Protein backbone atom coordinates (compact mmCIF):
# COMPACT_ATOMS: atom_id res chain seq x y z
CA MET A 1 -24.47 18.74 -2.88
CA PRO A 2 -21.97 16.93 -0.62
CA ASP A 3 -22.18 17.34 3.14
CA VAL A 4 -19.58 19.81 4.49
CA SER A 5 -18.20 17.19 6.90
CA ASP A 6 -17.58 14.89 3.93
CA VAL A 7 -15.74 17.72 2.16
CA VAL A 8 -13.60 18.33 5.26
CA GLU A 9 -12.65 14.66 5.52
CA ALA A 10 -11.90 14.42 1.79
CA VAL A 11 -9.62 17.48 1.90
CA TYR A 12 -7.89 16.20 5.01
CA ARG A 13 -7.27 12.80 3.42
CA ILE A 14 -5.63 14.48 0.44
CA GLU A 15 -3.61 16.99 2.45
CA SER A 16 -2.76 15.03 5.62
CA ALA A 17 0.70 13.84 4.53
CA ARG A 18 1.87 17.33 3.60
CA ILE A 19 0.38 18.90 6.73
CA ILE A 20 1.83 16.33 9.14
CA GLY A 21 5.18 16.42 7.35
CA ALA A 22 5.41 20.20 7.67
CA LEU A 23 4.34 20.11 11.32
CA ALA A 24 6.80 17.34 12.17
CA ARG A 25 9.63 19.47 10.86
CA LEU A 26 8.29 22.35 12.94
CA VAL A 27 7.80 20.56 16.27
CA GLY A 28 10.26 17.68 15.86
CA ASP A 29 7.75 14.99 16.91
CA VAL A 30 5.70 12.96 14.43
CA GLY A 31 3.10 11.98 17.03
CA LEU A 32 2.56 15.56 18.15
CA ALA A 33 2.42 16.68 14.51
CA GLU A 34 -0.40 14.22 13.84
CA GLU A 35 -2.30 15.48 16.90
CA LEU A 36 -1.93 19.11 15.78
CA ALA A 37 -3.15 18.19 12.30
CA GLN A 38 -6.17 16.50 13.89
CA ASP A 39 -6.81 19.73 15.83
CA ALA A 40 -6.97 21.59 12.52
CA LEU A 41 -9.43 18.99 11.23
CA VAL A 42 -11.67 19.53 14.28
CA ILE A 43 -11.55 23.32 13.78
CA ALA A 44 -12.57 22.89 10.14
CA LEU A 45 -15.48 20.64 11.16
CA GLU A 46 -16.59 23.38 13.57
CA GLN A 47 -16.15 26.40 11.28
CA TRP A 48 -16.80 25.32 7.71
CA PRO A 49 -20.48 24.37 8.14
CA ALA A 50 -21.18 27.89 9.46
CA ARG A 51 -18.77 29.96 7.36
CA GLY A 52 -18.63 27.87 4.20
CA VAL A 53 -15.78 25.91 2.64
CA PRO A 54 -12.75 28.17 1.95
CA ASP A 55 -11.72 28.81 -1.64
CA ASP A 56 -8.39 27.06 -0.90
CA PRO A 57 -9.29 24.40 1.70
CA GLY A 58 -5.88 22.68 1.65
CA PRO A 59 -3.85 25.80 2.44
CA TRP A 60 -6.49 26.76 5.04
CA LEU A 61 -5.92 23.47 6.87
CA MET A 62 -2.15 23.88 6.58
CA ALA A 63 -2.23 27.45 7.96
CA THR A 64 -4.55 26.50 10.81
CA ALA A 65 -2.38 23.53 11.77
CA LYS A 66 0.78 25.66 11.69
CA HIS A 67 -0.86 28.28 13.92
CA ARG A 68 -1.60 25.50 16.42
CA ALA A 69 2.04 24.38 16.20
CA VAL A 70 3.36 27.92 16.68
CA ASP A 71 1.12 28.35 19.74
CA HIS A 72 2.47 25.09 21.13
CA LEU A 73 6.09 26.15 20.60
CA ARG A 74 5.49 29.54 22.19
CA ARG A 75 3.88 27.94 25.24
CA LEU A 76 6.84 25.58 25.44
CA GLY A 77 9.24 28.50 25.13
CA ASN A 78 7.52 30.46 27.92
CA TYR A 79 7.58 27.39 30.14
CA GLN A 80 11.25 26.77 29.53
CA LYS A 81 12.08 30.44 30.16
CA LYS A 82 10.53 30.08 33.60
CA LEU A 83 12.57 26.95 34.22
CA GLN A 84 15.69 28.77 33.07
CA LEU A 85 15.12 31.47 35.70
CA VAL A 86 15.69 28.83 38.35
CA GLY A 87 18.61 27.33 36.42
CA THR A 88 16.81 24.12 35.44
CA VAL A 89 17.28 24.22 31.64
CA GLU A 90 19.22 26.10 29.02
CA ALA A 91 17.58 28.96 27.18
CA PHE A 92 15.20 28.08 24.34
CA ASP A 93 14.34 30.58 21.61
CA PRO A 94 10.96 29.61 20.14
CA GLU A 95 10.90 32.50 17.66
CA SER A 96 14.17 31.34 16.09
CA SER A 97 12.90 27.76 15.98
CA ILE A 98 9.65 28.82 14.34
CA VAL A 99 11.33 30.98 11.68
CA ASP A 100 13.73 28.18 10.78
CA ALA A 101 10.97 25.58 10.54
CA LEU A 102 8.34 27.57 8.68
CA ASP A 103 10.36 27.62 5.44
CA ASP A 104 8.10 25.44 3.34
CA HIS A 105 9.64 22.48 1.51
CA ILE A 106 6.51 20.38 1.16
CA GLY A 107 7.97 17.63 -1.03
CA ASP A 108 10.92 17.06 1.27
CA ASP A 109 8.62 17.02 4.30
CA THR A 110 6.37 14.36 2.78
CA LEU A 111 9.36 12.25 1.82
CA ARG A 112 10.77 12.55 5.35
CA LEU A 113 7.38 11.54 6.75
CA ILE A 114 7.18 8.44 4.54
CA PHE A 115 10.65 7.29 5.58
CA THR A 116 9.93 8.07 9.24
CA ALA A 117 6.65 6.14 9.16
CA CYS A 118 8.53 3.11 7.83
CA HIS A 119 11.30 3.32 10.41
CA PRO A 120 12.94 -0.05 11.21
CA ALA A 121 12.05 0.45 14.89
CA LEU A 122 8.41 -0.29 13.97
CA THR A 123 6.82 -3.65 13.23
CA THR A 124 5.29 -4.18 9.80
CA GLU A 125 1.79 -3.96 11.32
CA SER A 126 2.63 -0.63 12.96
CA GLN A 127 4.18 0.71 9.76
CA VAL A 128 1.00 -0.08 7.84
CA ALA A 129 -1.21 1.52 10.50
CA VAL A 130 0.92 4.68 10.69
CA VAL A 131 1.16 5.01 6.90
CA LEU A 132 -2.62 4.70 6.50
CA ARG A 133 -3.25 7.11 9.37
CA MET A 134 -0.67 9.81 8.60
CA LEU A 135 -0.19 9.48 4.86
CA GLY A 136 -3.60 8.16 3.86
CA GLY A 137 -5.62 10.21 6.33
CA LEU A 138 -7.72 7.20 7.33
CA ARG A 139 -9.51 7.08 10.67
CA THR A 140 -8.73 4.34 13.18
CA ASP A 141 -12.07 2.62 12.54
CA GLU A 142 -11.42 2.62 8.78
CA ILE A 143 -8.02 0.97 9.23
CA ALA A 144 -9.52 -1.59 11.63
CA ARG A 145 -12.30 -2.40 9.17
CA ALA A 146 -9.87 -2.70 6.26
CA PHE A 147 -7.68 -5.22 8.07
CA LEU A 148 -10.49 -7.01 9.92
CA THR A 149 -9.21 -6.17 13.36
CA THR A 150 -10.47 -4.08 16.26
CA GLU A 151 -10.15 -0.35 16.70
CA ALA A 152 -8.42 -1.05 20.01
CA THR A 153 -5.76 -3.12 18.25
CA VAL A 154 -5.14 -0.42 15.63
CA SER A 155 -5.06 2.28 18.31
CA GLN A 156 -2.46 0.31 20.25
CA ARG A 157 -0.33 -0.13 17.13
CA ILE A 158 -0.44 3.59 16.40
CA LEU A 159 0.27 4.45 20.04
CA ARG A 160 3.26 2.10 20.14
CA ALA A 161 4.50 3.56 16.85
CA LYS A 162 4.32 7.11 18.19
CA LYS A 163 6.24 6.07 21.30
CA ALA A 164 8.87 4.30 19.20
CA LEU A 165 9.27 7.37 16.98
CA ARG A 166 9.58 9.79 19.89
CA GLY A 167 13.06 11.24 19.74
CA VAL A 168 13.70 9.83 16.25
CA ALA A 169 15.12 12.58 14.04
CA PHE A 170 12.64 13.76 11.42
CA GLU A 171 15.02 13.50 8.50
CA LEU A 172 15.91 11.35 5.55
CA PRO A 173 18.23 8.48 6.45
CA PRO A 174 21.90 8.87 5.44
CA PRO A 175 22.65 7.73 1.86
CA PRO A 176 23.98 4.25 2.79
CA GLU A 177 20.68 3.48 4.60
CA ILE A 178 18.31 4.75 1.92
CA PRO A 179 18.12 1.55 -0.21
CA ALA A 180 17.11 -0.60 2.77
CA ARG A 181 14.67 2.01 4.07
CA LEU A 182 13.21 2.57 0.60
CA SER A 183 12.67 -1.17 0.35
CA ALA A 184 10.63 -1.01 3.58
CA VAL A 185 8.65 1.97 2.25
CA LEU A 186 7.80 0.22 -1.02
CA GLY A 187 7.04 -3.03 0.77
CA THR A 188 4.60 -1.30 3.11
CA VAL A 189 2.77 0.44 0.28
CA TYR A 190 2.54 -2.79 -1.73
CA LEU A 191 1.29 -4.69 1.33
CA ILE A 192 -1.55 -2.16 1.59
CA PHE A 193 -2.31 -2.57 -2.11
CA ASN A 194 -2.27 -6.37 -1.97
CA GLU A 195 -4.66 -6.46 0.98
CA GLY A 196 -7.05 -4.40 -1.13
CA TYR A 197 -6.51 -6.43 -4.31
CA SER A 198 -6.91 -9.88 -2.71
CA ALA A 199 -8.26 -9.68 0.82
CA THR A 200 -6.68 -12.35 3.02
CA ALA A 201 -9.76 -12.78 5.20
CA GLY A 202 -13.39 -11.75 5.59
CA ASP A 203 -16.33 -11.76 3.20
CA ASP A 204 -15.07 -9.40 0.49
CA TRP A 205 -12.98 -10.61 -2.45
CA THR A 206 -11.39 -7.16 -2.84
CA ARG A 207 -11.22 -3.86 -0.92
CA PRO A 208 -10.83 -1.18 -3.61
CA ALA A 209 -10.44 1.68 -1.09
CA LEU A 210 -7.13 0.22 0.10
CA CYS A 211 -5.94 -0.11 -3.49
CA GLU A 212 -6.82 3.54 -4.11
CA GLU A 213 -4.80 4.64 -1.07
CA ALA A 214 -1.79 2.59 -2.18
CA LEU A 215 -2.05 3.98 -5.73
CA ARG A 216 -2.10 7.51 -4.36
CA LEU A 217 0.95 6.84 -2.18
CA GLY A 218 2.74 5.31 -5.15
CA ARG A 219 2.07 8.40 -7.25
CA VAL A 220 3.33 10.63 -4.42
CA LEU A 221 6.55 8.60 -4.25
CA CYS A 222 7.03 8.87 -8.01
CA GLY A 223 6.82 12.64 -7.72
CA LEU A 224 9.21 12.76 -4.78
CA LEU A 225 11.75 10.26 -6.17
CA PRO A 226 11.58 10.75 -9.96
CA ASN A 227 14.87 8.96 -10.63
CA ALA A 228 14.26 5.82 -8.52
CA ALA A 229 13.50 2.98 -10.93
CA GLU A 230 11.86 0.68 -8.38
CA VAL A 231 9.50 3.45 -7.24
CA HIS A 232 8.20 3.69 -10.80
CA GLY A 233 8.24 -0.11 -11.05
CA LEU A 234 5.97 -0.42 -8.01
CA SER A 235 3.67 2.31 -9.29
CA ALA A 236 3.45 0.56 -12.67
CA LEU A 237 2.67 -2.76 -11.01
CA MET A 238 -0.14 -1.30 -8.88
CA GLU A 239 -1.65 0.73 -11.74
CA LEU A 240 -1.71 -2.31 -14.04
CA GLN A 241 -3.15 -4.64 -11.43
CA ALA A 242 -5.71 -2.07 -10.31
CA SER A 243 -6.91 -1.74 -13.91
CA ARG A 244 -8.47 -5.21 -13.53
CA LEU A 245 -10.33 -4.53 -10.27
CA GLY A 246 -13.67 -3.78 -11.92
CA ALA A 247 -13.62 -7.09 -13.78
CA ARG A 248 -12.48 -9.27 -10.84
CA SER A 249 -15.98 -9.49 -9.37
CA SER A 250 -19.37 -10.21 -10.91
CA ALA A 251 -22.43 -8.01 -10.35
CA ASP A 252 -23.32 -10.08 -7.28
CA GLY A 253 -19.80 -9.85 -5.84
CA ARG A 254 -18.58 -13.30 -6.83
CA PRO A 255 -14.90 -13.66 -7.81
CA VAL A 256 -14.09 -13.78 -11.53
CA LEU A 257 -10.75 -15.36 -12.45
CA LEU A 258 -8.39 -13.85 -15.01
CA ALA A 259 -9.33 -16.30 -17.78
CA ASP A 260 -13.03 -15.43 -17.44
CA GLN A 261 -12.79 -11.64 -17.07
CA ASP A 262 -14.44 -9.29 -19.53
CA ARG A 263 -11.42 -7.28 -20.63
CA ARG A 264 -13.67 -4.49 -21.87
CA ARG A 265 -14.16 -3.69 -18.18
CA TRP A 266 -10.45 -3.17 -17.59
CA ASP A 267 -9.62 0.47 -16.89
CA ARG A 268 -7.71 1.73 -19.93
CA LEU A 269 -6.57 4.92 -18.18
CA LEU A 270 -4.89 2.89 -15.42
CA ILE A 271 -3.30 0.67 -18.05
CA ARG A 272 -1.86 3.72 -19.83
CA ARG A 273 -0.60 5.05 -16.50
CA GLY A 274 0.96 1.70 -15.69
CA LEU A 275 2.67 1.27 -19.05
CA ALA A 276 4.03 4.82 -18.83
CA ALA A 277 5.43 4.17 -15.34
CA LEU A 278 6.96 0.90 -16.55
CA GLY A 279 8.58 2.74 -19.45
CA ARG A 280 10.01 5.27 -17.00
CA ALA A 281 11.39 2.46 -14.80
CA GLU A 282 13.00 0.78 -17.82
CA SER A 283 14.58 4.07 -18.90
CA LEU A 284 16.24 4.43 -15.49
CA GLY A 285 18.14 1.15 -15.63
CA THR A 286 17.73 -2.55 -14.89
CA LEU A 287 14.31 -3.54 -13.57
CA GLY A 288 14.13 -4.69 -9.95
CA PRO A 289 11.55 -7.04 -8.42
CA TYR A 290 8.63 -4.60 -8.68
CA GLY A 291 9.58 -3.59 -12.20
CA LEU A 292 9.75 -7.24 -13.28
CA GLN A 293 6.33 -7.92 -11.78
CA ALA A 294 5.04 -4.84 -13.60
CA ALA A 295 6.46 -6.22 -16.85
CA ILE A 296 4.52 -9.44 -16.20
CA ALA A 297 1.35 -7.46 -15.51
CA ALA A 298 1.96 -5.56 -18.77
CA CYS A 299 1.87 -8.85 -20.69
CA HIS A 300 -1.67 -9.39 -19.43
CA ALA A 301 -2.65 -5.77 -20.07
CA ARG A 302 -1.47 -5.91 -23.69
CA ALA A 303 -3.32 -9.14 -24.49
CA LEU A 304 -6.76 -8.43 -25.97
CA THR A 305 -7.97 -11.91 -24.96
CA PHE A 306 -6.80 -14.55 -22.50
CA ALA A 307 -5.82 -16.79 -25.44
CA GLU A 308 -3.46 -14.09 -26.77
CA THR A 309 -1.45 -13.91 -23.53
CA ASP A 310 2.30 -14.33 -24.11
CA TRP A 311 2.84 -17.04 -21.48
CA GLY A 312 6.31 -17.80 -22.79
CA ARG A 313 7.45 -14.25 -22.00
CA ILE A 314 5.67 -14.35 -18.63
CA ALA A 315 7.47 -17.58 -17.72
CA ALA A 316 10.81 -16.05 -18.77
CA LEU A 317 10.14 -12.97 -16.62
CA TYR A 318 9.23 -15.15 -13.65
CA ARG A 319 12.50 -17.07 -14.06
CA LEU A 320 14.35 -13.76 -13.96
CA LEU A 321 12.30 -12.66 -10.93
CA ALA A 322 13.11 -15.95 -9.20
CA HIS A 323 16.79 -15.17 -9.70
CA VAL A 324 16.53 -11.55 -8.51
CA ALA A 325 14.09 -12.05 -5.62
CA PRO A 326 13.62 -15.78 -4.96
CA SER A 327 10.60 -16.84 -2.91
CA ALA A 328 8.21 -19.75 -2.72
CA VAL A 329 5.34 -17.59 -4.07
CA VAL A 330 7.44 -16.59 -7.08
CA SER A 331 8.18 -20.29 -7.66
CA LEU A 332 4.44 -20.98 -7.53
CA ASN A 333 3.69 -18.28 -10.09
CA LEU A 334 6.52 -19.55 -12.29
CA ALA A 335 5.03 -23.06 -12.19
CA VAL A 336 1.63 -21.70 -13.24
CA ALA A 337 3.20 -19.73 -16.10
CA VAL A 338 5.16 -22.81 -17.25
CA GLY A 339 1.93 -24.81 -17.10
CA MET A 340 0.26 -22.29 -19.41
CA ALA A 341 3.24 -21.99 -21.76
CA SER A 342 4.41 -25.62 -21.92
CA GLY A 343 1.39 -27.62 -20.86
CA PRO A 344 -0.22 -28.71 -17.56
CA ALA A 345 2.10 -31.68 -17.05
CA ALA A 346 5.16 -29.41 -16.96
CA GLY A 347 3.45 -27.03 -14.56
CA LEU A 348 2.21 -29.82 -12.29
CA SER A 349 5.72 -31.26 -12.02
CA LEU A 350 6.99 -27.94 -10.64
CA LEU A 351 3.98 -27.58 -8.34
CA ASP A 352 4.44 -31.08 -6.92
CA ALA A 353 8.10 -30.34 -6.18
CA LEU A 354 7.09 -27.11 -4.44
CA ALA A 355 4.43 -28.93 -2.41
CA ALA A 356 6.96 -31.58 -1.38
CA SER A 357 9.27 -28.86 -0.05
CA GLY A 358 6.61 -27.88 2.51
CA GLN A 359 7.30 -24.16 1.98
CA LEU A 360 3.68 -23.26 1.23
CA ALA A 361 1.91 -25.85 3.37
CA SER A 362 -0.75 -23.39 4.54
CA TYR A 363 -1.01 -21.31 1.36
CA PRO A 364 -4.33 -22.00 -0.40
CA HIS A 365 -3.18 -20.96 -3.86
CA LEU A 366 -0.74 -23.88 -4.12
CA PRO A 367 -3.42 -26.63 -3.97
CA ALA A 368 -5.70 -24.40 -6.09
CA ALA A 369 -3.02 -24.21 -8.79
CA ARG A 370 -2.53 -27.97 -8.58
CA GLY A 371 -6.29 -28.37 -8.96
CA GLU A 372 -6.25 -26.34 -12.17
CA MET A 373 -3.40 -28.39 -13.66
CA LEU A 374 -4.98 -31.69 -12.63
CA SER A 375 -8.31 -30.60 -14.09
CA ARG A 376 -6.67 -29.74 -17.41
CA LEU A 377 -5.04 -33.18 -17.40
CA GLY A 378 -8.44 -34.83 -16.90
CA ARG A 379 -7.59 -36.13 -13.40
CA SER A 380 -10.93 -35.01 -11.98
CA ALA A 381 -10.91 -36.80 -8.61
CA GLU A 382 -7.45 -35.47 -7.73
CA ALA A 383 -8.44 -31.99 -8.91
CA ARG A 384 -11.53 -32.06 -6.69
CA GLU A 385 -9.44 -33.03 -3.67
CA ALA A 386 -6.94 -30.25 -4.39
CA PHE A 387 -9.67 -27.60 -4.64
CA LEU A 388 -11.26 -28.80 -1.39
CA THR A 389 -7.86 -28.52 0.31
CA ALA A 390 -7.56 -24.94 -0.98
CA ALA A 391 -11.05 -24.13 0.30
CA ALA A 392 -10.15 -25.44 3.75
CA LEU A 393 -6.99 -23.31 3.89
CA THR A 394 -8.35 -19.93 2.81
CA ARG A 395 -9.71 -17.39 5.33
CA ASN A 396 -11.59 -15.42 2.67
CA ALA A 397 -15.25 -16.36 2.30
CA ALA A 398 -15.53 -15.38 -1.38
CA GLU A 399 -12.39 -17.32 -2.23
CA ARG A 400 -13.65 -20.35 -0.30
CA GLU A 401 -16.85 -20.30 -2.34
CA LEU A 402 -14.80 -20.09 -5.53
CA PHE A 403 -12.69 -23.12 -4.61
CA THR A 404 -15.64 -25.25 -3.50
CA GLY A 405 -17.37 -24.36 -6.78
CA ARG A 406 -14.33 -25.51 -8.74
CA ALA A 407 -14.28 -28.74 -6.72
CA ALA A 408 -17.93 -29.40 -7.53
CA ALA A 409 -17.31 -28.77 -11.23
CA SER A 410 -14.34 -31.16 -11.41
């Protein structure tokens, strides 16, 4: 039987976005809303072990948090009434404010919270920290551990974010600003997913817990924005990539590359979810960058073996992606796809041109890709040197071991 404290934390993680969103609408301050939600969490940790877990734990947390918010507003109202008596402030009617704010529009509140957490006033690092804290329900130490930084650093990011958001209206941006803000929202969620899928530093090859949080956020967004094609495109991309997580590491934690993965270990439920989300994105119009990447991931998901992969279609999709959202990393992936579809010489030519441009001078996957092409061409000494360069550039211990192993085998 699970420990009651574990049940409390699990419920809070699921419900935190809705609770904080509702409270933020009530009190008009995202930082205060998060503190009031934490108060409800503390009350649950105090009461549930003695009284038992409520039949409806989510609504219990919501009601408790709202009671805390109402108490806060009433105290504020009483204080301002006293100030008004001496002519310091205008009258404030807390009862009217409470009645207006307690109308429950949970979906809208969560959507407002997502857009507020990804406000352009925040740095990317702060956006990620706030999203994981307020929408994912993660503790400060969990966020610090996930991104290999200190709790003090994460705390400072969250504190700065709360200060930056103080006075910011808790509302959806006006229609002309939504596309840019939605782009920031999707980018933040995908950044969280990518850090879980391929950790940039540390000892672990992957961090599945981060992927799970990003998947959950993606599903929430799909429910809140059912007619936004790129929202479904991002969800499809994450579901399809996450389906391979179980096969990306061996039993002893060593990385397993795509060509060597046991596809029987791929999660078929996530693949079905991903293909359904991709179909929804396609039905809503032209695919954007996330939708195109999901279409590429679908090519891998549909191939029963590595040999059956439709590399020609993947290369064509990468060419389209390079036109829609050009970047050096997209060019790298295009070169790899061309190398698989048209032979290693064609791929190496594109990789050498990319290396000469200097755009990815510190990116380990460029020399690693060159190493693969050189190895396939039988140029073993050059391949070994390329893999050693990749090993020297990476900050991930498991990836470094992979590259040094490929160098030794060349």
